[in-house]
Amino acid sequence: MGTIVISGTVVLIVLGFGNHVWWLAAVAVLFLYLQYGRGASSTSSSAGGQPSGAAPASYKAYRDRRDQQAKWERRYRRERPLEARRQERGKSK
């Protein structure tokens, strides 16, 4: 995915020498890729201020994070039942 984005950006930059609007498009593509592309959920911080992949400092912190995640998952299933069912079917395969 990253290779496609980089090569597309290079093409837009080359086209930008003729029309500067293409440079804006290249900047927009890079921004969107960095913001939402490569593992956006893994770079965001959790409510406790720790990165998602970091080990909790204590068992209490682990329990709090686990309970918060369970609460979010219940809310997601309640608000989006069709998507939740589709995901459950995908997991069972």
Protein backbone atom coordinates (compact mmCIF):
# COMPACT_ATOMS: atom_id res chain seq x y z
CA MET A 1 0.00 0.00 0.00
CA GLY A 2 2.78 2.40 0.90
CA THR A 3 4.54 1.81 -2.42
CA ILE A 4 1.39 2.69 -4.34
CA VAL A 5 0.91 5.88 -2.35
CA ILE A 6 4.54 6.95 -2.79
CA SER A 7 4.57 6.22 -6.52
CA GLY A 8 1.24 8.02 -6.95
CA THR A 9 2.63 10.99 -5.05
CA VAL A 10 5.72 11.07 -7.29
CA VAL A 11 3.50 11.03 -10.38
CA LEU A 12 1.42 13.89 -8.98
CA ILE A 13 4.58 15.89 -8.21
CA VAL A 14 5.88 15.37 -11.76
CA LEU A 15 2.53 16.44 -13.17
CA GLY A 16 2.69 19.44 -10.84
CA PHE A 17 5.43 21.06 -12.90
CA GLY A 18 2.81 21.72 -15.58
CA ASN A 19 -0.12 22.50 -13.27
CA HIS A 20 0.48 23.36 -9.62
CA VAL A 21 -2.88 21.96 -8.54
CA TRP A 22 -1.34 18.48 -8.82
CA TRP A 23 1.10 19.41 -6.04
CA LEU A 24 -1.84 20.14 -3.77
CA ALA A 25 -3.28 16.76 -4.69
CA ALA A 26 0.05 15.10 -3.81
CA VAL A 27 0.10 16.81 -0.43
CA ALA A 28 -3.51 15.76 0.18
CA VAL A 29 -2.71 12.13 -0.69
CA LEU A 30 0.26 12.08 1.66
CA PHE A 31 -1.73 13.70 4.44
CA LEU A 32 -4.61 11.25 4.11
CA TYR A 33 -2.21 8.30 3.99
CA LEU A 34 -0.34 9.41 7.09
CA GLN A 35 -3.53 10.31 8.95
CA TYR A 36 -5.70 7.30 8.13
CA GLY A 37 -3.58 4.83 6.21
CA ARG A 38 -0.82 2.89 7.86
CA GLY A 39 -2.28 1.51 11.09
CA ALA A 40 -4.04 4.62 12.31
CA SER A 41 -5.48 2.80 15.30
CA SER A 42 -2.06 1.59 16.45
CA THR A 43 -0.61 5.12 16.52
CA SER A 44 -3.42 6.70 18.49
CA SER A 45 -3.33 6.77 22.27
CA SER A 46 -5.81 5.07 24.52
CA ALA A 47 -7.80 6.89 27.19
CA GLY A 48 -5.07 6.23 29.75
CA GLY A 49 -2.48 8.08 27.70
CA GLN A 50 -0.54 4.94 26.78
CA PRO A 51 -0.01 3.70 23.24
CA SER A 52 -2.23 0.73 22.41
CA GLY A 53 0.62 -1.77 22.19
CA ALA A 54 2.34 -0.77 25.44
CA ALA A 55 2.15 -3.11 28.42
CA PRO A 56 0.07 -1.77 31.29
CA ALA A 57 1.95 -0.50 34.33
CA SER A 58 -0.14 -2.56 36.71
CA TYR A 59 -2.84 -5.18 36.76
CA LYS A 60 -5.36 -2.49 37.68
CA ALA A 61 -4.43 -0.51 34.56
CA TYR A 62 -4.83 -3.69 32.51
CA ARG A 63 -8.27 -4.37 33.99
CA ASP A 64 -9.38 -0.79 33.42
CA ARG A 65 -8.29 -0.90 29.79
CA ARG A 66 -9.88 -4.32 29.28
CA ASP A 67 -13.17 -3.16 30.80
CA GLN A 68 -13.14 0.01 28.69
CA GLN A 69 -12.56 -2.06 25.54
CA ALA A 70 -15.42 -4.40 26.46
CA LYS A 71 -17.68 -1.40 27.05
CA TRP A 72 -16.80 0.02 23.62
CA GLU A 73 -17.43 -3.34 21.95
CA ARG A 74 -20.85 -3.69 23.63
CA ARG A 75 -21.76 -0.18 22.55
CA TYR A 76 -20.65 -0.91 18.98
CA ARG A 77 -22.75 -4.08 18.85
CA ARG A 78 -25.75 -2.24 20.27
CA GLU A 79 -25.49 0.73 17.87
CA ARG A 80 -24.51 -1.24 14.75
CA PRO A 81 -26.08 -4.70 14.94
CA LEU A 82 -25.69 -5.53 11.23
CA GLU A 83 -21.98 -4.71 11.13
CA ALA A 84 -21.39 -6.58 14.38
CA ARG A 85 -23.10 -9.70 13.01
CA ARG A 86 -21.09 -9.46 9.81
CA GLN A 87 -17.86 -9.25 11.81
CA GLU A 88 -18.82 -12.21 13.98
CA ARG A 89 -19.48 -14.28 10.87
CA GLY A 90 -16.07 -13.26 9.50
CA LYS A 91 -14.32 -14.35 12.71
CA SER A 92 -15.94 -17.79 12.72
CA LYS A 93 -14.67 -18.66 9.22
